[in-house]
Amino acid sequence: MAKKNELNEPAVAYSSLDDGNVFLLINAIKRGVQFSFFERLAQSIPFTLREWASFLHLSERSLNRYKKEQGVFSTTASEKILEITMLNKYGIEVFGSQEGFNRWLNTNNVALGGIRPKVLLDSSFGIQMLKDELTRIEHGILA
């Protein structure tokens, strides 16, 4: 039986991925995200293995090794996985669908200096910029 603070069960885990469960997230990051959990999350977010590798600053070969060995990601990679997942969840809320959010991620954005939002997913600062921009969109503040 899983402990209350573990992110093992995908339905419980995905619903736990919000700012209201900060201590749960911190504990999960410290323990490291298991590849099996990452794989379930990655199936719901349409990024390629190459894109995930880029976001996590890993090689595709390293990701494949994690898969083969059912490894546990480092705290840095675990944090990034959860940040991207939370951003994706928020993007779906703002745009109403995964498709709408994906379109936004892949379209050059004037408010972000003309770049595609997706290119900012490789850093925590970039992810925060995207979260801030989603908040502005949600509240109708278009710049």
C-alpha atoms as a PDB file:
ATOM      1  CA  MET A   1       0.000   0.000   0.000  1.00  0.00           C
ATOM      2  CA  ALA A   2       1.398   3.421  -0.991  1.00  0.00           C
ATOM      3  CA  LYS A   3       2.111   5.997   1.675  1.00  0.00           C
ATOM      4  CA  LYS A   4       0.039   9.171   1.583  1.00  0.00           C
ATOM      5  CA  ASN A   5       2.995  11.302   0.434  1.00  0.00           C
ATOM      6  CA  GLU A   6       4.071   9.094  -2.480  1.00  0.00           C
ATOM      7  CA  LEU A   7       3.405   9.884  -6.108  1.00  0.00           C
ATOM      8  CA  ASN A   8       2.942   6.344  -7.371  1.00  0.00           C
ATOM      9  CA  GLU A   9      -0.675   5.962  -8.470  1.00  0.00           C
ATOM     10  CA  PRO A  10      -1.154   7.978 -11.685  1.00  0.00           C
ATOM     11  CA  ALA A  11      -4.736   9.124 -11.064  1.00  0.00           C
ATOM     12  CA  VAL A  12      -3.950  10.320  -7.562  1.00  0.00           C
ATOM     13  CA  ALA A  13      -0.570  11.657  -8.564  1.00  0.00           C
ATOM     14  CA  TYR A  14      -1.729  13.732 -11.518  1.00  0.00           C
ATOM     15  CA  SER A  15      -4.517  15.282  -9.467  1.00  0.00           C
ATOM     16  CA  SER A  16      -1.933  16.063  -6.764  1.00  0.00           C
ATOM     17  CA  LEU A  17       0.173  18.110  -9.135  1.00  0.00           C
ATOM     18  CA  ASP A  18      -0.766  21.625  -8.141  1.00  0.00           C
ATOM     19  CA  ASP A  19       0.565  24.323  -5.854  1.00  0.00           C
ATOM     20  CA  GLY A  20      -1.794  23.252  -3.069  1.00  0.00           C
ATOM     21  CA  ASN A  21       0.268  20.139  -2.405  1.00  0.00           C
ATOM     22  CA  VAL A  22       3.692  21.757  -2.137  1.00  0.00           C
ATOM     23  CA  PHE A  23       5.029  19.439   0.578  1.00  0.00           C
ATOM     24  CA  LEU A  24       3.922  16.373  -1.371  1.00  0.00           C
ATOM     25  CA  LEU A  25       5.733  17.734  -4.430  1.00  0.00           C
ATOM     26  CA  ILE A  26       8.882  18.575  -2.460  1.00  0.00           C
ATOM     27  CA  ASN A  27       8.996  15.068  -1.010  1.00  0.00           C
ATOM     28  CA  ALA A  28       8.466  13.510  -4.440  1.00  0.00           C
ATOM     29  CA  ILE A  29      11.287  15.618  -5.886  1.00  0.00           C
ATOM     30  CA  LYS A  30      13.651  14.674  -3.071  1.00  0.00           C
ATOM     31  CA  ARG A  31      12.925  10.955  -3.579  1.00  0.00           C
ATOM     32  CA  GLY A  32      13.104  11.320  -7.345  1.00  0.00           C
ATOM     33  CA  VAL A  33      10.465  10.586  -9.955  1.00  0.00           C
ATOM     34  CA  GLN A  34      10.443   6.958 -11.047  1.00  0.00           C
ATOM     35  CA  PHE A  35      10.650   6.364 -14.785  1.00  0.00           C
ATOM     36  CA  SER A  36       7.375   4.400 -14.753  1.00  0.00           C
ATOM     37  CA  PHE A  37       5.578   7.449 -13.310  1.00  0.00           C
ATOM     38  CA  PHE A  38       7.309   9.768 -15.805  1.00  0.00           C
ATOM     39  CA  GLU A  39       6.292   7.468 -18.642  1.00  0.00           C
ATOM     40  CA  ARG A  40       2.610   7.682 -17.641  1.00  0.00           C
ATOM     41  CA  LEU A  41       2.833  11.473 -17.430  1.00  0.00           C
ATOM     42  CA  ALA A  42       4.694  11.720 -20.734  1.00  0.00           C
ATOM     43  CA  GLN A  43       1.965   9.736 -22.503  1.00  0.00           C
ATOM     44  CA  SER A  44      -0.561  12.434 -21.624  1.00  0.00           C
ATOM     45  CA  ILE A  45       1.697  15.295 -22.734  1.00  0.00           C
ATOM     46  CA  PRO A  46       2.500  15.202 -26.459  1.00  0.00           C
ATOM     47  CA  PHE A  47       6.234  15.866 -26.375  1.00  0.00           C
ATOM     48  CA  THR A  48       8.660  13.620 -28.173  1.00  0.00           C
ATOM     49  CA  LEU A  49      11.409  11.732 -26.380  1.00  0.00           C
ATOM     50  CA  ARG A  50      13.878  14.165 -27.978  1.00  0.00           C
ATOM     51  CA  GLU A  51      11.962  17.159 -26.580  1.00  0.00           C
ATOM     52  CA  TRP A  52      11.783  15.644 -23.074  1.00  0.00           C
ATOM     53  CA  ALA A  53      15.517  14.939 -23.237  1.00  0.00           C
ATOM     54  CA  SER A  54      16.141  18.563 -24.181  1.00  0.00           C
ATOM     55  CA  PHE A  55      13.875  19.915 -21.427  1.00  0.00           C
ATOM     56  CA  LEU A  56      15.570  17.690 -18.827  1.00  0.00           C
ATOM     57  CA  HIS A  57      19.088  18.356 -20.138  1.00  0.00           C
ATOM     58  CA  LEU A  58      19.610  14.643 -20.771  1.00  0.00           C
ATOM     59  CA  SER A  59      20.470  12.703 -23.885  1.00  0.00           C
ATOM     60  CA  GLU A  60      17.878  10.492 -25.534  1.00  0.00           C
ATOM     61  CA  ARG A  61      20.222   7.617 -24.757  1.00  0.00           C
ATOM     62  CA  SER A  62      20.076   8.472 -21.040  1.00  0.00           C
ATOM     63  CA  LEU A  63      16.273   8.543 -21.144  1.00  0.00           C
ATOM     64  CA  ASN A  64      16.283   5.137 -22.817  1.00  0.00           C
ATOM     65  CA  ARG A  65      18.610   3.847 -20.095  1.00  0.00           C
ATOM     66  CA  TYR A  66      16.210   5.143 -17.422  1.00  0.00           C
ATOM     67  CA  LYS A  67      13.448   3.264 -19.225  1.00  0.00           C
ATOM     68  CA  LYS A  68      15.405   0.036 -19.529  1.00  0.00           C
ATOM     69  CA  GLU A  69      16.521   0.090 -15.886  1.00  0.00           C
ATOM     70  CA  GLN A  70      13.240   1.601 -14.589  1.00  0.00           C
ATOM     71  CA  GLY A  71      15.454   4.192 -12.901  1.00  0.00           C
ATOM     72  CA  VAL A  72      14.748   7.157 -10.689  1.00  0.00           C
ATOM     73  CA  PHE A  73      15.455  10.666 -11.971  1.00  0.00           C
ATOM     74  CA  SER A  74      17.729  13.093 -10.136  1.00  0.00           C
ATOM     75  CA  THR A  75      16.148  15.805  -8.018  1.00  0.00           C
ATOM     76  CA  THR A  76      16.836  18.368 -10.750  1.00  0.00           C
ATOM     77  CA  ALA A  77      15.189  16.299 -13.490  1.00  0.00           C
ATOM     78  CA  SER A  78      12.340  15.296 -11.152  1.00  0.00           C
ATOM     79  CA  GLU A  79      11.595  18.921 -10.367  1.00  0.00           C
ATOM     80  CA  LYS A  80      11.552  19.813 -14.062  1.00  0.00           C
ATOM     81  CA  ILE A  81       9.235  16.879 -14.879  1.00  0.00           C
ATOM     82  CA  LEU A  82       6.748  18.009 -12.243  1.00  0.00           C
ATOM     83  CA  GLU A  83       7.008  21.688 -13.233  1.00  0.00           C
ATOM     84  CA  ILE A  84       6.298  20.877 -16.879  1.00  0.00           C
ATOM     85  CA  THR A  85       3.423  18.589 -15.921  1.00  0.00           C
ATOM     86  CA  MET A  86       1.878  21.269 -13.700  1.00  0.00           C
ATOM     87  CA  LEU A  87       2.301  23.864 -16.464  1.00  0.00           C
ATOM     88  CA  ASN A  88       0.651  21.501 -18.936  1.00  0.00           C
ATOM     89  CA  LYS A  89      -2.277  20.981 -16.570  1.00  0.00           C
ATOM     90  CA  TYR A  90      -2.654  24.758 -16.177  1.00  0.00           C
ATOM     91  CA  GLY A  91      -2.372  25.293 -19.936  1.00  0.00           C
ATOM     92  CA  ILE A  92      -5.213  22.845 -20.528  1.00  0.00           C
ATOM     93  CA  GLU A  93      -7.332  24.746 -17.983  1.00  0.00           C
ATOM     94  CA  VAL A  94      -6.615  28.074 -19.701  1.00  0.00           C
ATOM     95  CA  PHE A  95      -7.084  26.873 -23.294  1.00  0.00           C
ATOM     96  CA  GLY A  96      -9.756  24.260 -22.624  1.00  0.00           C
ATOM     97  CA  SER A  97      -7.916  21.392 -24.293  1.00  0.00           C
ATOM     98  CA  GLN A  98      -4.524  19.793 -24.787  1.00  0.00           C
ATOM     99  CA  GLU A  99      -4.720  20.660 -28.488  1.00  0.00           C
ATOM    100  CA  GLY A 100      -5.320  24.357 -27.793  1.00  0.00           C
ATOM    101  CA  PHE A 101      -2.434  24.487 -25.338  1.00  0.00           C
ATOM    102  CA  ASN A 102      -0.144  22.645 -27.781  1.00  0.00           C
ATOM    103  CA  ARG A 103      -1.018  25.142 -30.512  1.00  0.00           C
ATOM    104  CA  TRP A 104      -0.072  27.994 -28.170  1.00  0.00           C
ATOM    105  CA  LEU A 105       3.198  26.271 -27.193  1.00  0.00           C
ATOM    106  CA  ASN A 106       4.188  25.913 -30.848  1.00  0.00           C
ATOM    107  CA  THR A 107       3.193  29.374 -32.107  1.00  0.00           C
ATOM    108  CA  ASN A 108       5.550  32.344 -32.072  1.00  0.00           C
ATOM    109  CA  ASN A 109       4.402  34.626 -29.276  1.00  0.00           C
ATOM    110  CA  VAL A 110       4.712  38.410 -29.475  1.00  0.00           C
ATOM    111  CA  ALA A 111       4.467  38.799 -25.665  1.00  0.00           C
ATOM    112  CA  LEU A 112       7.474  36.474 -25.312  1.00  0.00           C
ATOM    113  CA  GLY A 113       9.641  38.329 -27.805  1.00  0.00           C
ATOM    114  CA  GLY A 114       8.454  36.413 -30.860  1.00  0.00           C
ATOM    115  CA  ILE A 115       9.641  32.973 -29.734  1.00  0.00           C
ATOM    116  CA  ARG A 116       7.668  29.755 -29.439  1.00  0.00           C
ATOM    117  CA  PRO A 117       6.763  29.184 -25.768  1.00  0.00           C
ATOM    118  CA  LYS A 118       7.917  25.560 -25.980  1.00  0.00           C
ATOM    119  CA  VAL A 119      11.578  26.639 -26.210  1.00  0.00           C
ATOM    120  CA  LEU A 120      11.351  28.001 -22.651  1.00  0.00           C
ATOM    121  CA  LEU A 121      10.517  24.618 -21.093  1.00  0.00           C
ATOM    122  CA  ASP A 122      14.160  23.773 -20.454  1.00  0.00           C
ATOM    123  CA  SER A 123      14.568  26.109 -17.477  1.00  0.00           C
ATOM    124  CA  SER A 124      12.623  26.907 -14.320  1.00  0.00           C
ATOM    125  CA  PHE A 125      12.715  30.611 -15.177  1.00  0.00           C
ATOM    126  CA  GLY A 126      11.242  29.856 -18.605  1.00  0.00           C
ATOM    127  CA  ILE A 127       8.516  27.697 -17.108  1.00  0.00           C
ATOM    128  CA  GLN A 128       7.654  30.496 -14.675  1.00  0.00           C
ATOM    129  CA  MET A 129       7.495  32.986 -17.573  1.00  0.00           C
ATOM    130  CA  LEU A 130       5.039  30.690 -19.343  1.00  0.00           C
ATOM    131  CA  LYS A 131       2.966  30.283 -16.191  1.00  0.00           C
ATOM    132  CA  ASP A 132       2.844  34.077 -15.814  1.00  0.00           C
ATOM    133  CA  GLU A 133       1.801  34.463 -19.450  1.00  0.00           C
ATOM    134  CA  LEU A 134      -0.938  31.831 -19.020  1.00  0.00           C
ATOM    135  CA  THR A 135      -2.200  33.759 -15.986  1.00  0.00           C
ATOM    136  CA  ARG A 136      -2.382  36.949 -18.069  1.00  0.00           C
ATOM    137  CA  ILE A 137      -4.248  35.088 -20.819  1.00  0.00           C
ATOM    138  CA  GLU A 138      -6.626  33.565 -18.264  1.00  0.00           C
ATOM    139  CA  HIS A 139      -7.449  37.030 -16.931  1.00  0.00           C
ATOM    140  CA  GLY A 140      -7.713  38.630 -20.375  1.00  0.00           C
ATOM    141  CA  ILE A 141      -4.561  40.706 -20.100  1.00  0.00           C
ATOM    142  CA  LEU A 142      -3.051  40.366 -23.549  1.00  0.00           C
ATOM    143  CA  ALA A 143       0.218  42.156 -24.164  1.00  0.00           C
END
